[in-house]
């Protein structure tokens, strides 16, 4: 099982709808909400890293989500051997991709 903590920023006017949409996604629950900034923390449970990445894609694609980034990841009991990082996580040079805004 994979657990991930995901920071989501939602349009403040649509925050309640975003929370409802996220909690309707498989394995996703919302645990912390800051209504003044539109930020919320979602926790996602997934069977493997591919399901985890697909879940993050669904969160990013939800209506009125401004941005969503995985900020925590925990991997337990995944015996799958992956030949490489999923393309979403790998940079062109093979290192881990980090969003530019986190590099400031």
PDB file of N, CA and C in Angstrom:
ATOM      1  N   UNK A   1       0.835  -1.173   0.000  1.00  0.00           N
ATOM      2  CA  UNK A   1       0.000   0.000   0.000  1.00  0.00           C
ATOM      3  C   UNK A   1       0.882   1.239   0.000  1.00  0.00           C
ATOM      4  N   UNK A   2       0.473   2.242  -0.767  1.00  0.00           N
ATOM      5  CA  UNK A   2       1.155   3.521  -0.805  1.00  0.00           C
ATOM      6  C   UNK A   2       0.251   4.575  -0.173  1.00  0.00           C
ATOM      7  N   UNK A   3       0.836   5.407   0.644  1.00  0.00           N
ATOM      8  CA  UNK A   3       0.130   6.550   1.215  1.00  0.00           C
ATOM      9  C   UNK A   3       0.815   7.806   0.731  1.00  0.00           C
ATOM     10  N   UNK A   4       0.031   8.795   0.351  1.00  0.00           N
ATOM     11  CA  UNK A   4       0.627  10.060  -0.037  1.00  0.00           C
ATOM     12  C   UNK A   4      -0.157  11.209   0.554  1.00  0.00           C
ATOM     13  N   UNK A   5       0.588  12.215   0.980  1.00  0.00           N
ATOM     14  CA  UNK A   5       0.007  13.464   1.444  1.00  0.00           C
ATOM     15  C   UNK A   5       0.088  14.448   0.301  1.00  0.00           C
ATOM     16  N   UNK A   6      -1.028  15.069  -0.033  1.00  0.00           N
ATOM     17  CA  UNK A   6      -1.082  15.932  -1.203  1.00  0.00           C
ATOM     18  C   UNK A   6      -1.597  17.307  -0.783  1.00  0.00           C
ATOM     19  N   UNK A   7      -0.797  18.339  -1.079  1.00  0.00           N
ATOM     20  CA  UNK A   7      -1.221  19.714  -0.864  1.00  0.00           C
ATOM     21  C   UNK A   7      -2.044  20.129  -2.073  1.00  0.00           C
ATOM     22  N   UNK A   8      -3.252  20.584  -1.821  1.00  0.00           N
ATOM     23  CA  UNK A   8      -4.150  21.021  -2.889  1.00  0.00           C
ATOM     24  C   UNK A   8      -4.505  22.478  -2.624  1.00  0.00           C
ATOM     25  N   UNK A   9      -4.440  23.293  -3.665  1.00  0.00           N
ATOM     26  CA  UNK A   9      -4.922  24.668  -3.569  1.00  0.00           C
ATOM     27  C   UNK A   9      -6.141  24.756  -4.481  1.00  0.00           C
ATOM     28  N   UNK A  10      -7.256  25.166  -3.892  1.00  0.00           N
ATOM     29  CA  UNK A  10      -8.518  25.250  -4.626  1.00  0.00           C
ATOM     30  C   UNK A  10      -8.988  26.697  -4.678  1.00  0.00           C
ATOM     31  N   UNK A  11      -9.769  26.985  -5.689  1.00  0.00           N
ATOM     32  CA  UNK A  11     -10.440  28.278  -5.762  1.00  0.00           C
ATOM     33  C   UNK A  11     -11.297  28.398  -4.498  1.00  0.00           C
ATOM     34  N   UNK A  12     -11.082  29.448  -3.709  1.00  0.00           N
ATOM     35  CA  UNK A  12     -11.786  29.578  -2.425  1.00  0.00           C
ATOM     36  C   UNK A  12     -13.300  29.584  -2.581  1.00  0.00           C
ATOM     37  N   UNK A  13     -13.793  30.114  -3.687  1.00  0.00           N
ATOM     38  CA  UNK A  13     -15.240  30.158  -3.914  1.00  0.00           C
ATOM     39  C   UNK A  13     -15.829  28.774  -4.167  1.00  0.00           C
ATOM     40  N   UNK A  14     -14.987  27.832  -4.519  1.00  0.00           N
ATOM     41  CA  UNK A  14     -15.451  26.480  -4.860  1.00  0.00           C
ATOM     42  C   UNK A  14     -14.873  25.422  -3.926  1.00  0.00           C
ATOM     43  N   UNK A  15     -14.332  25.831  -2.801  1.00  0.00           N
ATOM     44  CA  UNK A  15     -13.632  24.903  -1.920  1.00  0.00           C
ATOM     45  C   UNK A  15     -14.512  23.751  -1.439  1.00  0.00           C
ATOM     46  N   UNK A  16     -15.743  24.020  -1.086  1.00  0.00           N
ATOM     47  CA  UNK A  16     -16.629  22.946  -0.619  1.00  0.00           C
ATOM     48  C   UNK A  16     -16.860  21.929  -1.729  1.00  0.00           C
ATOM     49  N   UNK A  17     -17.058  22.386  -2.958  1.00  0.00           N
ATOM     50  CA  UNK A  17     -17.256  21.478  -4.093  1.00  0.00           C
ATOM     51  C   UNK A  17     -16.001  20.660  -4.361  1.00  0.00           C
ATOM     52  N   UNK A  18     -14.833  21.284  -4.220  1.00  0.00           N
ATOM     53  CA  UNK A  18     -13.570  20.567  -4.427  1.00  0.00           C
ATOM     54  C   UNK A  18     -13.413  19.471  -3.376  1.00  0.00           C
ATOM     55  N   UNK A  19     -13.706  19.783  -2.122  1.00  0.00           N
ATOM     56  CA  UNK A  19     -13.605  18.784  -1.053  1.00  0.00           C
ATOM     57  C   UNK A  19     -14.530  17.602  -1.349  1.00  0.00           C
ATOM     58  N   UNK A  20     -15.746  17.883  -1.752  1.00  0.00           N
ATOM     59  CA  UNK A  20     -16.704  16.821  -2.086  1.00  0.00           C
ATOM     60  C   UNK A  20     -16.184  15.975  -3.246  1.00  0.00           C
ATOM     61  N   UNK A  21     -15.644  16.632  -4.272  1.00  0.00           N
ATOM     62  CA  UNK A  21     -15.120  15.903  -5.442  1.00  0.00           C
ATOM     63  C   UNK A  21     -13.925  15.034  -5.064  1.00  0.00           C
ATOM     64  N   UNK A  22     -13.026  15.563  -4.238  1.00  0.00           N
ATOM     65  CA  UNK A  22     -11.843  14.789  -3.847  1.00  0.00           C
ATOM     66  C   UNK A  22     -12.231  13.588  -3.009  1.00  0.00           C
ATOM     67  N   UNK A  23     -13.156  13.775  -2.074  1.00  0.00           N
ATOM     68  CA  UNK A  23     -13.543  12.660  -1.215  1.00  0.00           C
ATOM     69  C   UNK A  23     -14.338  11.599  -1.974  1.00  0.00           C
ATOM     70  N   UNK A  24     -14.823  11.921  -3.163  1.00  0.00           N
ATOM     71  CA  UNK A  24     -15.508  10.933  -4.000  1.00  0.00           C
ATOM     72  C   UNK A  24     -14.514  10.072  -4.782  1.00  0.00           C
ATOM     73  N   UNK A  25     -13.240  10.504  -4.837  1.00  0.00           N
ATOM     74  CA  UNK A  25     -12.221   9.727  -5.544  1.00  0.00           C
ATOM     75  C   UNK A  25     -11.819   8.521  -4.703  1.00  0.00           C
ATOM     76  N   UNK A  26     -11.528   7.385  -5.357  1.00  0.00           N
ATOM     77  CA  UNK A  26     -11.136   6.186  -4.607  1.00  0.00           C
ATOM     78  C   UNK A  26      -9.868   6.417  -3.781  1.00  0.00           C
ATOM     79  N   UNK A  27      -9.943   6.089  -2.494  1.00  0.00           N
ATOM     80  CA  UNK A  27      -8.779   6.143  -1.623  1.00  0.00           C
ATOM     81  C   UNK A  27      -8.386   7.524  -1.144  1.00  0.00           C
ATOM     82  N   UNK A  28      -9.174   8.560  -1.455  1.00  0.00           N
ATOM     83  CA  UNK A  28      -8.800   9.930  -1.097  1.00  0.00           C
ATOM     84  C   UNK A  28      -9.688  10.431   0.040  1.00  0.00           C
ATOM     85  N   UNK A  29      -9.060  11.077   1.023  1.00  0.00           N
ATOM     86  CA  UNK A  29      -9.807  11.741   2.082  1.00  0.00           C
ATOM     87  C   UNK A  29      -9.138  13.083   2.373  1.00  0.00           C
ATOM     88  N   UNK A  30      -9.933  14.057   2.733  1.00  0.00           N
ATOM     89  CA  UNK A  30      -9.433  15.383   3.046  1.00  0.00           C
ATOM     90  C   UNK A  30      -9.332  15.500   4.563  1.00  0.00           C
ATOM     91  N   UNK A  31      -8.157  15.928   5.044  1.00  0.00           N
ATOM     92  CA  UNK A  31      -7.911  15.956   6.481  1.00  0.00           C
ATOM     93  C   UNK A  31      -7.735  17.337   7.075  1.00  0.00           C
ATOM     94  N   UNK A  32      -7.329  18.304   6.290  1.00  0.00           N
ATOM     95  CA  UNK A  32      -7.088  19.640   6.820  1.00  0.00           C
ATOM     96  C   UNK A  32      -7.533  20.652   5.774  1.00  0.00           C
ATOM     97  N   UNK A  33      -8.223  21.693   6.201  1.00  0.00           N
ATOM     98  CA  UNK A  33      -8.721  22.716   5.285  1.00  0.00           C
ATOM     99  C   UNK A  33      -8.412  24.086   5.866  1.00  0.00           C
ATOM    100  N   UNK A  34      -7.830  24.964   5.040  1.00  0.00           N
ATOM    101  CA  UNK A  34      -7.628  26.362   5.408  1.00  0.00           C
ATOM    102  C   UNK A  34      -8.486  27.189   4.463  1.00  0.00           C
ATOM    103  N   UNK A  35      -9.657  27.546   4.898  1.00  0.00           N
ATOM    104  CA  UNK A  35     -10.629  28.233   4.039  1.00  0.00           C
ATOM    105  C   UNK A  35     -10.145  29.611   3.608  1.00  0.00           C
ATOM    106  N   UNK A  36      -9.282  30.245   4.391  1.00  0.00           N
ATOM    107  CA  UNK A  36      -8.819  31.587   4.034  1.00  0.00           C
ATOM    108  C   UNK A  36      -7.843  31.579   2.857  1.00  0.00           C
ATOM    109  N   UNK A  37      -7.102  30.486   2.674  1.00  0.00           N
ATOM    110  CA  UNK A  37      -6.118  30.422   1.587  1.00  0.00           C
ATOM    111  C   UNK A  37      -6.532  29.484   0.466  1.00  0.00           C
ATOM    112  N   UNK A  38      -7.541  28.654   0.703  1.00  0.00           N
ATOM    113  CA  UNK A  38      -7.938  27.669  -0.298  1.00  0.00           C
ATOM    114  C   UNK A  38      -7.092  26.411  -0.258  1.00  0.00           C
ATOM    115  N   UNK A  39      -6.194  26.313   0.695  1.00  0.00           N
ATOM    116  CA  UNK A  39      -5.318  25.141   0.800  1.00  0.00           C
ATOM    117  C   UNK A  39      -6.000  24.032   1.591  1.00  0.00           C
ATOM    118  N   UNK A  40      -5.725  22.812   1.161  1.00  0.00           N
ATOM    119  CA  UNK A  40      -6.193  21.662   1.925  1.00  0.00           C
ATOM    120  C   UNK A  40      -5.211  20.528   1.769  1.00  0.00           C
ATOM    121  N   UNK A  41      -5.248  19.623   2.716  1.00  0.00           N
ATOM    122  CA  UNK A  41      -4.386  18.440   2.689  1.00  0.00           C
ATOM    123  C   UNK A  41      -5.266  17.222   2.449  1.00  0.00           C
ATOM    124  N   UNK A  42      -4.936  16.495   1.394  1.00  0.00           N
ATOM    125  CA  UNK A  42      -5.627  15.247   1.085  1.00  0.00           C
ATOM    126  C   UNK A  42      -4.655  14.101   1.326  1.00  0.00           C
ATOM    127  N   UNK A  43      -5.177  12.996   1.813  1.00  0.00           N
ATOM    128  CA  UNK A  43      -4.388  11.775   1.974  1.00  0.00           C
ATOM    129  C   UNK A  43      -4.971  10.755   1.013  1.00  0.00           C
ATOM    130  N   UNK A  44      -4.073  10.102   0.286  1.00  0.00           N
ATOM    131  CA  UNK A  44      -4.492   9.109  -0.703  1.00  0.00           C
ATOM    132  C   UNK A  44      -3.865   7.759  -0.377  1.00  0.00           C
ATOM    133  N   UNK A  45      -4.663   6.718  -0.404  1.00  0.00           N
ATOM    134  CA  UNK A  45      -4.173   5.349  -0.292  1.00  0.00           C
ATOM    135  C   UNK A  45      -4.278   4.718  -1.663  1.00  0.00           C
ATOM    136  N   UNK A  46      -3.212   4.052  -2.094  1.00  0.00           N
ATOM    137  CA  UNK A  46      -3.205   3.411  -3.412  1.00  0.00           C
ATOM    138  C   UNK A  46      -2.465   2.079  -3.308  1.00  0.00           C
ATOM    139  N   UNK A  47      -2.773   1.170  -4.222  1.00  0.00           N
ATOM    140  CA  UNK A  47      -2.164  -0.160  -4.202  1.00  0.00           C
ATOM    141  C   UNK A  47      -0.690  -0.146  -4.578  1.00  0.00           C
ATOM    142  N   UNK A  48      -0.310   0.711  -5.525  1.00  0.00           N
ATOM    143  CA  UNK A  48       1.079   0.766  -5.989  1.00  0.00           C
ATOM    144  C   UNK A  48       1.378   2.165  -6.502  1.00  0.00           C
ATOM    145  N   UNK A  49       2.611   2.388  -6.941  1.00  0.00           N
ATOM    146  CA  UNK A  49       3.018   3.724  -7.362  1.00  0.00           C
ATOM    147  C   UNK A  49       2.261   4.183  -8.603  1.00  0.00           C
ATOM    148  N   UNK A  50       1.940   3.266  -9.500  1.00  0.00           N
ATOM    149  CA  UNK A  50       1.191   3.664 -10.691  1.00  0.00           C
ATOM    150  C   UNK A  50      -0.204   4.159 -10.325  1.00  0.00           C
ATOM    151  N   UNK A  51      -0.870   3.492  -9.402  1.00  0.00           N
ATOM    152  CA  UNK A  51      -2.186   3.930  -8.937  1.00  0.00           C
ATOM    153  C   UNK A  51      -2.067   5.253  -8.183  1.00  0.00           C
ATOM    154  N   UNK A  52      -0.986   5.416  -7.467  1.00  0.00           N
ATOM    155  CA  UNK A  52      -0.755   6.653  -6.727  1.00  0.00           C
ATOM    156  C   UNK A  52      -0.612   7.847  -7.682  1.00  0.00           C
ATOM    157  N   UNK A  53       0.173   7.673  -8.730  1.00  0.00           N
ATOM    158  CA  UNK A  53       0.367   8.735  -9.724  1.00  0.00           C
ATOM    159  C   UNK A  53      -0.949   9.022 -10.455  1.00  0.00           C
ATOM    160  N   UNK A  54      -1.688   7.974 -10.804  1.00  0.00           N
ATOM    161  CA  UNK A  54      -2.981   8.167 -11.468  1.00  0.00           C
ATOM    162  C   UNK A  54      -3.947   8.921 -10.564  1.00  0.00           C
ATOM    163  N   UNK A  55      -3.943   8.623  -9.276  1.00  0.00           N
ATOM    164  CA  UNK A  55      -4.787   9.346  -8.329  1.00  0.00           C
ATOM    165  C   UNK A  55      -4.405  10.816  -8.237  1.00  0.00           C
ATOM    166  N   UNK A  56      -3.106  11.104  -8.241  1.00  0.00           N
ATOM    167  CA  UNK A  56      -2.648  12.489  -8.230  1.00  0.00           C
ATOM    168  C   UNK A  56      -3.111  13.207  -9.495  1.00  0.00           C
ATOM    169  N   UNK A  57      -3.047  12.535 -10.630  1.00  0.00           N
ATOM    170  CA  UNK A  57      -3.554  13.128 -11.887  1.00  0.00           C
ATOM    171  C   UNK A  57      -5.037  13.482 -11.765  1.00  0.00           C
ATOM    172  N   UNK A  58      -5.818  12.575 -11.175  1.00  0.00           N
ATOM    173  CA  UNK A  58      -7.256  12.843 -11.023  1.00  0.00           C
ATOM    174  C   UNK A  58      -7.499  14.043 -10.115  1.00  0.00           C
ATOM    175  N   UNK A  59      -6.707  14.150  -9.058  1.00  0.00           N
ATOM    176  CA  UNK A  59      -6.844  15.297  -8.159  1.00  0.00           C
ATOM    177  C   UNK A  59      -6.508  16.587  -8.900  1.00  0.00           C
ATOM    178  N   UNK A  60      -5.413  16.592  -9.639  1.00  0.00           N
ATOM    179  CA  UNK A  60      -5.012  17.787 -10.393  1.00  0.00           C
ATOM    180  C   UNK A  60      -6.067  18.188 -11.424  1.00  0.00           C
ATOM    181  N   UNK A  61      -6.772  17.205 -11.963  1.00  0.00           N
ATOM    182  CA  UNK A  61      -7.767  17.465 -13.012  1.00  0.00           C
ATOM    183  C   UNK A  61      -9.138  17.840 -12.464  1.00  0.00           C
ATOM    184  N   UNK A  62      -9.319  17.761 -11.157  1.00  0.00           N
ATOM    185  CA  UNK A  62     -10.632  18.079 -10.579  1.00  0.00           C
ATOM    186  C   UNK A  62     -10.975  19.544 -10.835  1.00  0.00           C
ATOM    187  N   UNK A  63     -12.244  19.818 -11.128  1.00  0.00           N
ATOM    188  CA  UNK A  63     -12.652  21.207 -11.370  1.00  0.00           C
ATOM    189  C   UNK A  63     -12.319  22.108 -10.174  1.00  0.00           C
ATOM    190  N   UNK A  64     -11.827  23.300 -10.483  1.00  0.00           N
ATOM    191  CA  UNK A  64     -11.528  24.352  -9.509  1.00  0.00           C
ATOM    192  C   UNK A  64     -10.304  24.066  -8.647  1.00  0.00           C
ATOM    193  N   UNK A  65      -9.521  23.040  -9.013  1.00  0.00           N
ATOM    194  CA  UNK A  65      -8.232  22.817  -8.351  1.00  0.00           C
ATOM    195  C   UNK A  65      -7.197  23.662  -9.080  1.00  0.00           C
ATOM    196  N   UNK A  66      -6.545  24.544  -8.357  1.00  0.00           N
ATOM    197  CA  UNK A  66      -5.533  25.416  -8.944  1.00  0.00           C
ATOM    198  C   UNK A  66      -4.214  24.670  -9.074  1.00  0.00           C
ATOM    199  N   UNK A  67      -3.845  23.935  -8.045  1.00  0.00           N
ATOM    200  CA  UNK A  67      -2.640  23.105  -8.092  1.00  0.00           C
ATOM    201  C   UNK A  67      -2.739  22.009  -7.059  1.00  0.00           C
ATOM    202  N   UNK A  68      -2.008  20.939  -7.309  1.00  0.00           N
ATOM    203  CA  UNK A  68      -1.923  19.824  -6.360  1.00  0.00           C
ATOM    204  C   UNK A  68      -0.553  19.188  -6.520  1.00  0.00           C
ATOM    205  N   UNK A  69       0.128  18.993  -5.412  1.00  0.00           N
ATOM    206  CA  UNK A  69       1.459  18.370  -5.435  1.00  0.00           C
ATOM    207  C   UNK A  69       1.589  17.402  -4.276  1.00  0.00           C
ATOM    208  N   UNK A  70       2.214  16.280  -4.557  1.00  0.00           N
ATOM    209  CA  UNK A  70       2.490  15.300  -3.512  1.00  0.00           C
ATOM    210  C   UNK A  70       3.636  15.835  -2.659  1.00  0.00           C
ATOM    211  N   UNK A  71       3.407  15.925  -1.366  1.00  0.00           N
ATOM    212  CA  UNK A  71       4.443  16.434  -0.470  1.00  0.00           C
ATOM    213  C   UNK A  71       4.939  15.366   0.504  1.00  0.00           C
ATOM    214  N   UNK A  72       4.268  14.224   0.528  1.00  0.00           N
ATOM    215  CA  UNK A  72       4.675  13.125   1.399  1.00  0.00           C
ATOM    216  C   UNK A  72       4.314  11.820   0.721  1.00  0.00           C
ATOM    217  N   UNK A  73       5.189  10.838   0.855  1.00  0.00           N
ATOM    218  CA  UNK A  73       4.948   9.527   0.262  1.00  0.00           C
ATOM    219  C   UNK A  73       5.451   8.455   1.213  1.00  0.00           C
ATOM    220  N   UNK A  74       4.641   7.435   1.408  1.00  0.00           N
ATOM    221  CA  UNK A  74       5.032   6.288   2.222  1.00  0.00           C
ATOM    222  C   UNK A  74       4.697   5.025   1.448  1.00  0.00           C
ATOM    223  N   UNK A  75       5.662   4.152   1.337  1.00  0.00           N
ATOM    224  CA  UNK A  75       5.516   2.901   0.597  1.00  0.00           C
ATOM    225  C   UNK A  75       5.634   1.743   1.573  1.00  0.00           C
ATOM    226  N   UNK A  76       4.633   0.878   1.572  1.00  0.00           N
ATOM    227  CA  UNK A  76       4.660  -0.282   2.458  1.00  0.00           C
ATOM    228  C   UNK A  76       4.270  -1.525   1.675  1.00  0.00           C
ATOM    229  N   UNK A  77       5.056  -2.552   1.815  1.00  0.00           N
ATOM    230  CA  UNK A  77       4.722  -3.862   1.255  1.00  0.00           C
ATOM    231  C   UNK A  77       4.443  -3.870  -0.242  1.00  0.00           C
ATOM    232  N   UNK A  78       5.245  -3.129  -1.007  1.00  0.00           N
ATOM    233  CA  UNK A  78       5.135  -3.183  -2.466  1.00  0.00           C
ATOM    234  C   UNK A  78       6.363  -3.931  -2.973  1.00  0.00           C
ATOM    235  N   UNK A  79       6.159  -5.159  -3.354  1.00  0.00           N
ATOM    236  CA  UNK A  79       7.271  -5.985  -3.810  1.00  0.00           C
ATOM    237  C   UNK A  79       7.514  -5.887  -5.312  1.00  0.00           C
ATOM    238  N   UNK A  80       6.779  -5.001  -5.964  1.00  0.00           N
ATOM    239  CA  UNK A  80       6.950  -4.808  -7.398  1.00  0.00           C
ATOM    240  C   UNK A  80       8.297  -4.161  -7.668  1.00  0.00           C
ATOM    241  N   UNK A  81       8.995  -4.698  -8.683  1.00  0.00           N
ATOM    242  CA  UNK A  81      10.256  -4.088  -9.092  1.00  0.00           C
ATOM    243  C   UNK A  81       9.983  -3.198 -10.286  1.00  0.00           C
ATOM    244  N   UNK A  82      10.285  -1.923 -10.148  1.00  0.00           N
ATOM    245  CA  UNK A  82      10.063  -0.961 -11.218  1.00  0.00           C
ATOM    246  C   UNK A  82      11.378  -0.730 -11.951  1.00  0.00           C
ATOM    247  N   UNK A  83      11.385  -0.845 -13.281  1.00  0.00           N
ATOM    248  CA  UNK A  83      12.631  -0.660 -14.017  1.00  0.00           C
ATOM    249  C   UNK A  83      13.132   0.782 -14.000  1.00  0.00           C
ATOM    250  N   UNK A  84      12.215   1.735 -13.773  1.00  0.00           N
ATOM    251  CA  UNK A  84      12.595   3.147 -13.741  1.00  0.00           C
ATOM    252  C   UNK A  84      11.486   3.921 -13.048  1.00  0.00           C
ATOM    253  N   UNK A  85      11.791   5.154 -12.710  1.00  0.00           N
ATOM    254  CA  UNK A  85      10.757   6.028 -12.158  1.00  0.00           C
ATOM    255  C   UNK A  85       9.686   6.278 -13.212  1.00  0.00           C
ATOM    256  N   UNK A  86       8.440   6.421 -12.803  1.00  0.00           N
ATOM    257  CA  UNK A  86       7.421   6.823 -13.772  1.00  0.00           C
ATOM    258  C   UNK A  86       7.819   8.154 -14.403  1.00  0.00           C
ATOM    259  N   UNK A  87       7.493   8.379 -15.668  1.00  0.00           N
ATOM    260  CA  UNK A  87       7.922   9.606 -16.348  1.00  0.00           C
ATOM    261  C   UNK A  87       7.505  10.881 -15.617  1.00  0.00           C
ATOM    262  N   UNK A  88       6.395  10.837 -14.902  1.00  0.00           N
ATOM    263  CA  UNK A  88       5.940  12.020 -14.178  1.00  0.00           C
ATOM    264  C   UNK A  88       6.887  12.401 -13.050  1.00  0.00           C
ATOM    265  N   UNK A  89       7.660  11.449 -12.566  1.00  0.00           N
ATOM    266  CA  UNK A  89       8.569  11.702 -11.455  1.00  0.00           C
ATOM    267  C   UNK A  89      10.011  11.872 -11.901  1.00  0.00           C
ATOM    268  N   UNK A  90      10.343  11.446 -13.094  1.00  0.00           N
ATOM    269  CA  UNK A  90      11.729  11.479 -13.550  1.00  0.00           C
ATOM    270  C   UNK A  90      11.981  12.708 -14.419  1.00  0.00           C
ATOM    271  N   UNK A  91      13.073  13.388 -14.159  1.00  0.00           N
ATOM    272  CA  UNK A  91      13.497  14.500 -15.002  1.00  0.00           C
ATOM    273  C   UNK A  91      14.228  13.934 -16.213  1.00  0.00           C
ATOM    274  N   UNK A  92      14.510  14.762 -17.183  1.00  0.00           N
ATOM    275  CA  UNK A  92      15.181  14.326 -18.411  1.00  0.00           C
ATOM    276  C   UNK A  92      16.541  13.688 -18.139  1.00  0.00           C
ATOM    277  N   UNK A  93      17.255  14.181 -17.142  1.00  0.00           N
ATOM    278  CA  UNK A  93      18.590  13.653 -16.864  1.00  0.00           C
ATOM    279  C   UNK A  93      18.578  12.457 -15.909  1.00  0.00           C
ATOM    280  N   UNK A  94      17.366  11.978 -15.566  1.00  0.00           N
ATOM    281  CA  UNK A  94      17.272  10.809 -14.704  1.00  0.00           C
ATOM    282  C   UNK A  94      17.140  11.128 -13.231  1.00  0.00           C
ATOM    283  N   UNK A  95      17.310  12.399 -12.864  1.00  0.00           N
ATOM    284  CA  UNK A  95      17.129  12.773 -11.464  1.00  0.00           C
ATOM    285  C   UNK A  95      15.638  12.946 -11.184  1.00  0.00           C
ATOM    286  N   UNK A  96      15.306  13.145  -9.951  1.00  0.00           N
ATOM    287  CA  UNK A  96      13.902  13.324  -9.578  1.00  0.00           C
ATOM    288  C   UNK A  96      13.460  14.736  -9.934  1.00  0.00           C
ATOM    289  N   UNK A  97      12.314  14.846 -10.583  1.00  0.00           N
ATOM    290  CA  UNK A  97      11.789  16.152 -10.973  1.00  0.00           C
ATOM    291  C   UNK A  97      11.203  16.862  -9.765  1.00  0.00           C
ATOM    292  N   UNK A  98      11.598  18.105  -9.569  1.00  0.00           N
ATOM    293  CA  UNK A  98      11.063  18.929  -8.499  1.00  0.00           C
ATOM    294  C   UNK A  98      10.447  20.161  -9.139  1.00  0.00           C
ATOM    295  N   UNK A  99       9.190  20.477  -8.820  1.00  0.00           N
ATOM    296  CA  UNK A  99       8.565  21.662  -9.412  1.00  0.00           C
ATOM    297  C   UNK A  99       9.389  22.902  -9.152  1.00  0.00           C
ATOM    298  N   UNK A 100       9.480  23.781 -10.149  1.00  0.00           N
ATOM    299  CA  UNK A 100      10.329  24.971 -10.065  1.00  0.00           C
ATOM    300  C   UNK A 100       9.981  25.847  -8.873  1.00  0.00           C
ATOM    301  N   UNK A 101       8.687  25.958  -8.541  1.00  0.00           N
ATOM    302  CA  UNK A 101       8.312  26.848  -7.452  1.00  0.00           C
ATOM    303  C   UNK A 101       8.793  26.347  -6.086  1.00  0.00           C
ATOM    304  N   UNK A 102       9.183  25.080  -5.999  1.00  0.00           N
ATOM    305  CA  UNK A 102       9.722  24.555  -4.739  1.00  0.00           C
ATOM    306  C   UNK A 102      11.234  24.777  -4.638  1.00  0.00           C
ATOM    307  N   UNK A 103      11.842  25.246  -5.717  1.00  0.00           N
ATOM    308  CA  UNK A 103      13.285  25.447  -5.739  1.00  0.00           C
ATOM    309  C   UNK A 103      13.681  26.844  -5.278  1.00  0.00           C
ATOM    310  N   UNK A 104      12.724  27.732  -5.075  1.00  0.00           N
ATOM    311  CA  UNK A 104      13.036  29.116  -4.652  1.00  0.00           C
ATOM    312  C   UNK A 104      13.534  29.177  -3.235  1.00  0.00           C
TER     313      UNK A 104
END
